[in-house]
Amino acid sequence: MRRRRPRPAPLPRSAFAGFRFPSDVIVLAVRWYLRFGLSYRDVEELLAERDVEADHVTIYRWVQRFTPLLADAARPCRHAVGDRWQVDETYVKVAGRWRYVYRAIDQFGQVVDVFVSRQRDATAAHRFFQRAMGATKVSPVEVTTDKAPVYPAVLEELLPAGWHRTDRYANNRVEADHGRLKSRLRPMRGLKQDRRPKSWSPGTRWCRTFGVDTTSWPSRSPPTGDWRSHSKN
């Protein structure tokens, strides 16, 4: 009997399959929205100047769909996370209710992790540090925080050999970084759903962290001269 040839393995389906626009247009539109203080209509106007006709609702759907995918794709290309972290929490309003955003950066200015919580307590801080260390595989030797009473017990449990630093002004770098985070919320007119910070925070971290100085992944804007809309109108 003649042997049947094995069928070739099917190629993985592209995340951009089924979309009318080229992948570089979608990626650049998402990056513009996340990196700069632009609204969806601002991005729509910028694309229109480049002969790309995309509705602001379409751009909104791109941001929701591709932000987590882009953050995951860029993760292996980021440089090694440092072992000295500055940690602080700020607050944002989601659907009229306050939510607390825990953030950490390393000594190189890279954003280590972002965690959104309904509470500002020891449980939330514990979850944040566990998640950050689990995702980065790094146990910091120095952690700088403010003098919030929840941090000493949490760090004593998770990092007994680490140095917990609470000097005055030592945390200025991450505290100043909160301003950039909140300035990005103004064009968005706030957050309307609890799930939005979970998809939006990794996106802002992707654009801030995966820049020229902190990654080997090319995130430069591609040339726009040859872009044309695929619309049949």
C-alpha atoms as a PDB file:
ATOM      1  CA  MET A   1       0.000   0.000   0.000  1.00  0.00           C
ATOM      2  CA  ARG A   2       1.105   3.483  -0.767  1.00  0.00           C
ATOM      3  CA  ARG A   3       1.754   5.591   2.253  1.00  0.00           C
ATOM      4  CA  ARG A   4      -0.151   8.779   2.557  1.00  0.00           C
ATOM      5  CA  ARG A   5       1.859  11.889   2.909  1.00  0.00           C
ATOM      6  CA  PRO A   6       1.307  13.666   6.226  1.00  0.00           C
ATOM      7  CA  ARG A   7      -0.695  16.814   5.903  1.00  0.00           C
ATOM      8  CA  PRO A   8       1.239  19.988   6.615  1.00  0.00           C
ATOM      9  CA  ALA A   9       0.444  21.646   9.896  1.00  0.00           C
ATOM     10  CA  PRO A  10      -2.007  24.519   9.441  1.00  0.00           C
ATOM     11  CA  LEU A  11      -0.497  27.973   9.706  1.00  0.00           C
ATOM     12  CA  PRO A  12      -1.508  29.944  12.796  1.00  0.00           C
ATOM     13  CA  ARG A  13      -4.293  32.377  12.096  1.00  0.00           C
ATOM     14  CA  SER A  14      -3.209  35.990  12.202  1.00  0.00           C
ATOM     15  CA  ALA A  15      -4.812  38.193  14.837  1.00  0.00           C
ATOM     16  CA  PHE A  16      -5.437  40.704  12.035  1.00  0.00           C
ATOM     17  CA  ALA A  17      -7.285  38.241   9.801  1.00  0.00           C
ATOM     18  CA  GLY A  18     -10.692  39.492   8.791  1.00  0.00           C
ATOM     19  CA  PHE A  19      -9.893  43.155   9.322  1.00  0.00           C
ATOM     20  CA  ARG A  20     -10.267  45.490   6.381  1.00  0.00           C
ATOM     21  CA  PHE A  21      -7.190  47.576   7.108  1.00  0.00           C
ATOM     22  CA  PRO A  22      -3.510  46.547   6.971  1.00  0.00           C
ATOM     23  CA  SER A  23      -1.902  45.492  10.221  1.00  0.00           C
ATOM     24  CA  ASP A  24       0.564  48.415  10.224  1.00  0.00           C
ATOM     25  CA  VAL A  25      -2.307  50.909  10.056  1.00  0.00           C
ATOM     26  CA  ILE A  26      -4.069  49.243  12.987  1.00  0.00           C
ATOM     27  CA  VAL A  27      -0.917  49.025  15.115  1.00  0.00           C
ATOM     28  CA  LEU A  28       0.018  52.640  14.492  1.00  0.00           C
ATOM     29  CA  ALA A  29      -3.486  53.887  15.290  1.00  0.00           C
ATOM     30  CA  VAL A  30      -3.497  51.941  18.567  1.00  0.00           C
ATOM     31  CA  ARG A  31      -0.038  53.232  19.447  1.00  0.00           C
ATOM     32  CA  TRP A  32      -1.013  56.826  18.710  1.00  0.00           C
ATOM     33  CA  TYR A  33      -4.040  56.553  20.962  1.00  0.00           C
ATOM     34  CA  LEU A  34      -2.162  54.943  23.850  1.00  0.00           C
ATOM     35  CA  ARG A  35       1.043  56.965  23.650  1.00  0.00           C
ATOM     36  CA  PHE A  36      -0.257  60.504  23.143  1.00  0.00           C
ATOM     37  CA  GLY A  37      -3.076  62.548  24.618  1.00  0.00           C
ATOM     38  CA  LEU A  38      -5.431  61.880  21.718  1.00  0.00           C
ATOM     39  CA  SER A  39      -9.096  61.015  21.529  1.00  0.00           C
ATOM     40  CA  TYR A  40     -10.515  58.480  19.079  1.00  0.00           C
ATOM     41  CA  ARG A  41     -11.690  61.327  16.861  1.00  0.00           C
ATOM     42  CA  ASP A  42      -8.181  62.827  16.915  1.00  0.00           C
ATOM     43  CA  VAL A  43      -6.746  59.540  15.657  1.00  0.00           C
ATOM     44  CA  GLU A  44      -9.501  59.386  13.042  1.00  0.00           C
ATOM     45  CA  GLU A  45      -8.459  62.830  11.794  1.00  0.00           C
ATOM     46  CA  LEU A  46      -4.760  61.924  11.681  1.00  0.00           C
ATOM     47  CA  LEU A  47      -5.526  58.826   9.628  1.00  0.00           C
ATOM     48  CA  ALA A  48      -7.782  60.825   7.300  1.00  0.00           C
ATOM     49  CA  GLU A  49      -4.864  63.170   6.579  1.00  0.00           C
ATOM     50  CA  ARG A  50      -3.020  60.078   5.337  1.00  0.00           C
ATOM     51  CA  ASP A  51      -5.907  58.963   3.083  1.00  0.00           C
ATOM     52  CA  VAL A  52      -7.052  56.290   5.532  1.00  0.00           C
ATOM     53  CA  GLU A  53     -10.769  56.505   6.251  1.00  0.00           C
ATOM     54  CA  ALA A  54     -11.445  54.809   9.580  1.00  0.00           C
ATOM     55  CA  ASP A  55     -14.339  55.728  11.846  1.00  0.00           C
ATOM     56  CA  HIS A  56     -13.600  56.593  15.471  1.00  0.00           C
ATOM     57  CA  VAL A  57     -15.759  53.653  16.574  1.00  0.00           C
ATOM     58  CA  THR A  58     -13.549  51.346  14.505  1.00  0.00           C
ATOM     59  CA  ILE A  59     -10.461  52.771  16.215  1.00  0.00           C
ATOM     60  CA  TYR A  60     -12.097  52.178  19.594  1.00  0.00           C
ATOM     61  CA  ARG A  61     -12.601  48.517  18.674  1.00  0.00           C
ATOM     62  CA  TRP A  62      -8.990  48.225  17.542  1.00  0.00           C
ATOM     63  CA  VAL A  63      -7.751  49.578  20.867  1.00  0.00           C
ATOM     64  CA  GLN A  64      -9.921  47.167  22.851  1.00  0.00           C
ATOM     65  CA  ARG A  65      -8.953  44.170  20.718  1.00  0.00           C
ATOM     66  CA  PHE A  66      -5.238  44.670  20.117  1.00  0.00           C
ATOM     67  CA  THR A  67      -3.921  46.430  23.217  1.00  0.00           C
ATOM     68  CA  PRO A  68      -3.522  43.205  25.270  1.00  0.00           C
ATOM     69  CA  LEU A  69      -2.123  41.364  22.218  1.00  0.00           C
ATOM     70  CA  LEU A  70       0.502  44.013  21.537  1.00  0.00           C
ATOM     71  CA  ALA A  71       1.543  44.104  25.183  1.00  0.00           C
ATOM     72  CA  ASP A  72       1.962  40.315  25.227  1.00  0.00           C
ATOM     73  CA  ALA A  73       3.856  40.292  21.909  1.00  0.00           C
ATOM     74  CA  ALA A  74       6.331  42.913  23.111  1.00  0.00           C
ATOM     75  CA  ARG A  75       6.914  41.331  26.523  1.00  0.00           C
ATOM     76  CA  PRO A  76       9.762  38.972  25.450  1.00  0.00           C
ATOM     77  CA  CYS A  77      11.629  41.900  23.849  1.00  0.00           C
ATOM     78  CA  ARG A  78      11.812  44.134  26.874  1.00  0.00           C
ATOM     79  CA  HIS A  79      15.127  44.467  28.658  1.00  0.00           C
ATOM     80  CA  ALA A  80      15.715  42.751  31.968  1.00  0.00           C
ATOM     81  CA  VAL A  81      13.790  44.292  34.850  1.00  0.00           C
ATOM     82  CA  GLY A  82      15.968  45.913  37.500  1.00  0.00           C
ATOM     83  CA  ASP A  83      16.138  44.793  41.119  1.00  0.00           C
ATOM     84  CA  ARG A  84      15.421  48.175  42.721  1.00  0.00           C
ATOM     85  CA  TRP A  85      11.786  49.167  42.554  1.00  0.00           C
ATOM     86  CA  GLN A  86       9.847  52.292  43.389  1.00  0.00           C
ATOM     87  CA  VAL A  87       6.226  51.524  44.252  1.00  0.00           C
ATOM     88  CA  ASP A  88       3.306  53.850  44.772  1.00  0.00           C
ATOM     89  CA  GLU A  89      -0.447  53.898  44.332  1.00  0.00           C
ATOM     90  CA  THR A  90      -2.742  56.493  42.855  1.00  0.00           C
ATOM     91  CA  TYR A  91      -6.469  56.603  42.173  1.00  0.00           C
ATOM     92  CA  VAL A  92      -8.704  56.913  39.139  1.00  0.00           C
ATOM     93  CA  LYS A  93     -12.470  57.114  38.856  1.00  0.00           C
ATOM     94  CA  VAL A  94     -14.219  54.296  36.980  1.00  0.00           C
ATOM     95  CA  ALA A  95     -17.957  54.700  36.334  1.00  0.00           C
ATOM     96  CA  GLY A  96     -18.149  57.207  39.168  1.00  0.00           C
ATOM     97  CA  ARG A  97     -16.316  55.017  41.703  1.00  0.00           C
ATOM     98  CA  TRP A  98     -12.752  55.297  42.862  1.00  0.00           C
ATOM     99  CA  ARG A  99     -10.277  52.582  41.940  1.00  0.00           C
ATOM    100  CA  TYR A 100      -6.683  52.380  43.148  1.00  0.00           C
ATOM    101  CA  VAL A 101      -3.845  51.822  40.687  1.00  0.00           C
ATOM    102  CA  TYR A 102      -0.671  50.256  42.099  1.00  0.00           C
ATOM    103  CA  ARG A 103       2.386  50.927  39.948  1.00  0.00           C
ATOM    104  CA  ALA A 104       6.083  50.068  40.124  1.00  0.00           C
ATOM    105  CA  ILE A 105       9.079  51.245  38.127  1.00  0.00           C
ATOM    106  CA  ASP A 106      12.682  50.024  38.343  1.00  0.00           C
ATOM    107  CA  GLN A 107      15.900  52.023  38.620  1.00  0.00           C
ATOM    108  CA  PHE A 108      16.029  52.378  34.825  1.00  0.00           C
ATOM    109  CA  GLY A 109      12.569  53.944  34.607  1.00  0.00           C
ATOM    110  CA  GLN A 110      10.894  50.862  33.130  1.00  0.00           C
ATOM    111  CA  VAL A 111       7.338  50.229  34.253  1.00  0.00           C
ATOM    112  CA  VAL A 112       7.437  46.915  36.106  1.00  0.00           C
ATOM    113  CA  ASP A 113       3.725  46.278  36.556  1.00  0.00           C
ATOM    114  CA  VAL A 114       0.329  47.909  37.024  1.00  0.00           C
ATOM    115  CA  PHE A 115      -2.461  46.575  39.214  1.00  0.00           C
ATOM    116  CA  VAL A 116      -5.993  47.979  39.601  1.00  0.00           C
ATOM    117  CA  SER A 117      -7.865  47.312  42.848  1.00  0.00           C
ATOM    118  CA  ARG A 118     -11.128  48.364  44.451  1.00  0.00           C
ATOM    119  CA  GLN A 119      -9.438  48.536  47.844  1.00  0.00           C
ATOM    120  CA  ARG A 120      -6.288  50.158  49.148  1.00  0.00           C
ATOM    121  CA  ASP A 121      -5.211  47.673  51.787  1.00  0.00           C
ATOM    122  CA  ALA A 122      -2.696  44.962  52.625  1.00  0.00           C
ATOM    123  CA  THR A 123      -4.487  42.377  50.481  1.00  0.00           C
ATOM    124  CA  ALA A 124      -4.237  44.562  47.383  1.00  0.00           C
ATOM    125  CA  ALA A 125      -0.567  45.366  48.046  1.00  0.00           C
ATOM    126  CA  HIS A 126       0.181  41.676  48.595  1.00  0.00           C
ATOM    127  CA  ARG A 127      -1.496  40.720  45.312  1.00  0.00           C
ATOM    128  CA  PHE A 128       0.361  43.463  43.470  1.00  0.00           C
ATOM    129  CA  PHE A 129       3.812  42.337  44.639  1.00  0.00           C
ATOM    130  CA  GLN A 130       3.027  38.672  44.039  1.00  0.00           C
ATOM    131  CA  ARG A 131       1.840  39.399  40.522  1.00  0.00           C
ATOM    132  CA  ALA A 132       4.770  41.703  39.698  1.00  0.00           C
ATOM    133  CA  MET A 133       7.388  39.241  40.937  1.00  0.00           C
ATOM    134  CA  GLY A 134       5.637  36.322  39.265  1.00  0.00           C
ATOM    135  CA  ALA A 135       5.432  38.086  35.899  1.00  0.00           C
ATOM    136  CA  THR A 136       9.001  39.406  35.897  1.00  0.00           C
ATOM    137  CA  LYS A 137      10.714  36.535  37.764  1.00  0.00           C
ATOM    138  CA  VAL A 138      12.603  39.195  39.732  1.00  0.00           C
ATOM    139  CA  SER A 139      12.778  39.549  43.504  1.00  0.00           C
ATOM    140  CA  PRO A 140      13.875  43.134  44.182  1.00  0.00           C
ATOM    141  CA  VAL A 141      16.646  43.760  46.682  1.00  0.00           C
ATOM    142  CA  GLU A 142      15.364  47.280  47.372  1.00  0.00           C
ATOM    143  CA  VAL A 143      11.787  48.585  47.395  1.00  0.00           C
ATOM    144  CA  THR A 144      11.043  52.275  47.870  1.00  0.00           C
ATOM    145  CA  THR A 145       7.542  53.234  49.012  1.00  0.00           C
ATOM    146  CA  ASP A 146       5.813  55.952  50.950  1.00  0.00           C
ATOM    147  CA  LYS A 147       5.074  55.473  54.648  1.00  0.00           C
ATOM    148  CA  ALA A 148       1.738  53.731  54.152  1.00  0.00           C
ATOM    149  CA  PRO A 149       1.274  51.296  57.073  1.00  0.00           C
ATOM    150  CA  VAL A 150       0.421  48.303  54.863  1.00  0.00           C
ATOM    151  CA  TYR A 151       3.812  47.973  53.170  1.00  0.00           C
ATOM    152  CA  PRO A 152       6.130  46.882  56.026  1.00  0.00           C
ATOM    153  CA  ALA A 153       4.172  43.712  56.850  1.00  0.00           C
ATOM    154  CA  VAL A 154       3.691  42.790  53.190  1.00  0.00           C
ATOM    155  CA  LEU A 155       7.361  43.239  52.328  1.00  0.00           C
ATOM    156  CA  GLU A 156       8.490  41.430  55.455  1.00  0.00           C
ATOM    157  CA  GLU A 157       6.478  38.418  54.321  1.00  0.00           C
ATOM    158  CA  LEU A 158       7.379  38.439  50.625  1.00  0.00           C
ATOM    159  CA  LEU A 159      10.891  39.958  50.690  1.00  0.00           C
ATOM    160  CA  PRO A 160      12.402  39.359  54.128  1.00  0.00           C
ATOM    161  CA  ALA A 161      15.946  39.951  52.825  1.00  0.00           C
ATOM    162  CA  GLY A 162      15.075  43.104  50.894  1.00  0.00           C
ATOM    163  CA  TRP A 163      15.608  46.693  51.968  1.00  0.00           C
ATOM    164  CA  HIS A 164      12.404  48.676  52.447  1.00  0.00           C
ATOM    165  CA  ARG A 165      13.246  52.318  51.879  1.00  0.00           C
ATOM    166  CA  THR A 166      10.873  55.106  52.977  1.00  0.00           C
ATOM    167  CA  ASP A 167      13.125  58.168  52.827  1.00  0.00           C
ATOM    168  CA  ARG A 168      11.523  61.500  52.124  1.00  0.00           C
ATOM    169  CA  TYR A 169      11.543  62.378  48.401  1.00  0.00           C
ATOM    170  CA  ALA A 170      12.981  58.954  47.525  1.00  0.00           C
ATOM    171  CA  ASN A 171       9.756  58.035  45.711  1.00  0.00           C
ATOM    172  CA  ASN A 172       9.471  61.230  43.677  1.00  0.00           C
ATOM    173  CA  ARG A 173      10.133  59.508  40.372  1.00  0.00           C
ATOM    174  CA  VAL A 174       7.130  57.209  40.443  1.00  0.00           C
ATOM    175  CA  GLU A 175       4.919  59.854  42.061  1.00  0.00           C
ATOM    176  CA  ALA A 176       5.720  62.272  39.240  1.00  0.00           C
ATOM    177  CA  ASP A 177       4.970  59.520  36.760  1.00  0.00           C
ATOM    178  CA  HIS A 178       1.362  59.413  37.969  1.00  0.00           C
ATOM    179  CA  GLY A 179       0.832  62.773  36.292  1.00  0.00           C
ATOM    180  CA  ARG A 180       1.460  61.249  32.876  1.00  0.00           C
ATOM    181  CA  LEU A 181      -0.986  58.481  33.665  1.00  0.00           C
ATOM    182  CA  LYS A 182      -3.761  60.882  34.653  1.00  0.00           C
ATOM    183  CA  SER A 183      -3.107  63.275  31.789  1.00  0.00           C
ATOM    184  CA  ARG A 184      -3.867  60.385  29.450  1.00  0.00           C
ATOM    185  CA  LEU A 185      -7.291  59.996  31.047  1.00  0.00           C
ATOM    186  CA  ARG A 186      -8.458  63.497  30.154  1.00  0.00           C
ATOM    187  CA  PRO A 187      -8.987  62.903  26.404  1.00  0.00           C
ATOM    188  CA  MET A 188     -10.664  59.592  27.281  1.00  0.00           C
ATOM    189  CA  ARG A 189     -13.241  61.429  29.461  1.00  0.00           C
ATOM    190  CA  GLY A 190     -12.627  58.946  32.229  1.00  0.00           C
ATOM    191  CA  LEU A 191     -13.189  55.213  32.387  1.00  0.00           C
ATOM    192  CA  LYS A 192     -16.691  53.813  32.157  1.00  0.00           C
ATOM    193  CA  GLN A 193     -16.240  50.118  32.976  1.00  0.00           C
ATOM    194  CA  ASP A 194     -14.215  48.129  35.499  1.00  0.00           C
ATOM    195  CA  ARG A 195     -12.677  46.015  32.766  1.00  0.00           C
ATOM    196  CA  ARG A 196     -11.278  49.059  30.940  1.00  0.00           C
ATOM    197  CA  PRO A 197      -8.280  49.664  33.272  1.00  0.00           C
ATOM    198  CA  LYS A 198      -7.275  46.019  32.866  1.00  0.00           C
ATOM    199  CA  SER A 199      -6.937  46.440  29.099  1.00  0.00           C
ATOM    200  CA  TRP A 200      -5.853  50.080  29.029  1.00  0.00           C
ATOM    201  CA  SER A 201      -3.112  49.928  31.698  1.00  0.00           C
ATOM    202  CA  PRO A 202      -1.002  47.292  29.878  1.00  0.00           C
ATOM    203  CA  GLY A 203      -1.285  49.398  26.744  1.00  0.00           C
ATOM    204  CA  THR A 204       0.073  52.552  28.347  1.00  0.00           C
ATOM    205  CA  ARG A 205       2.800  50.430  29.934  1.00  0.00           C
ATOM    206  CA  TRP A 206       3.623  48.970  26.497  1.00  0.00           C
ATOM    207  CA  CYS A 207       4.015  52.398  24.902  1.00  0.00           C
ATOM    208  CA  ARG A 208       5.947  53.865  27.821  1.00  0.00           C
ATOM    209  CA  THR A 209       8.249  50.927  28.480  1.00  0.00           C
ATOM    210  CA  PHE A 210       8.942  49.595  25.005  1.00  0.00           C
ATOM    211  CA  GLY A 211      10.666  52.683  23.713  1.00  0.00           C
ATOM    212  CA  VAL A 212      13.987  53.067  21.991  1.00  0.00           C
ATOM    213  CA  ASP A 213      16.031  52.976  25.205  1.00  0.00           C
ATOM    214  CA  THR A 214      14.339  50.066  26.963  1.00  0.00           C
ATOM    215  CA  THR A 215      13.667  47.444  24.308  1.00  0.00           C
ATOM    216  CA  SER A 216      15.050  45.736  21.237  1.00  0.00           C
ATOM    217  CA  TRP A 217      11.591  45.597  19.629  1.00  0.00           C
ATOM    218  CA  PRO A 218      11.122  48.140  16.809  1.00  0.00           C
ATOM    219  CA  SER A 219       8.172  50.339  17.710  1.00  0.00           C
ATOM    220  CA  ARG A 220       8.910  53.125  15.250  1.00  0.00           C
ATOM    221  CA  SER A 221       6.053  54.482  13.205  1.00  0.00           C
ATOM    222  CA  PRO A 222       6.148  53.020   9.668  1.00  0.00           C
ATOM    223  CA  PRO A 223       6.047  55.361   6.672  1.00  0.00           C
ATOM    224  CA  THR A 224       2.568  56.477   5.791  1.00  0.00           C
ATOM    225  CA  GLY A 225       2.976  57.618   2.211  1.00  0.00           C
ATOM    226  CA  ASP A 226       1.778  54.392   0.599  1.00  0.00           C
ATOM    227  CA  TRP A 227      -1.188  53.738   2.890  1.00  0.00           C
ATOM    228  CA  ARG A 228      -4.578  53.726   1.272  1.00  0.00           C
ATOM    229  CA  SER A 229      -7.963  52.764   2.569  1.00  0.00           C
ATOM    230  CA  HIS A 230      -9.332  49.416   1.421  1.00  0.00           C
ATOM    231  CA  SER A 231     -12.844  50.831   1.331  1.00  0.00           C
ATOM    232  CA  LYS A 232     -14.795  50.152  -1.842  1.00  0.00           C
ATOM    233  CA  ASN A 233     -16.669  53.470  -1.548  1.00  0.00           C
END
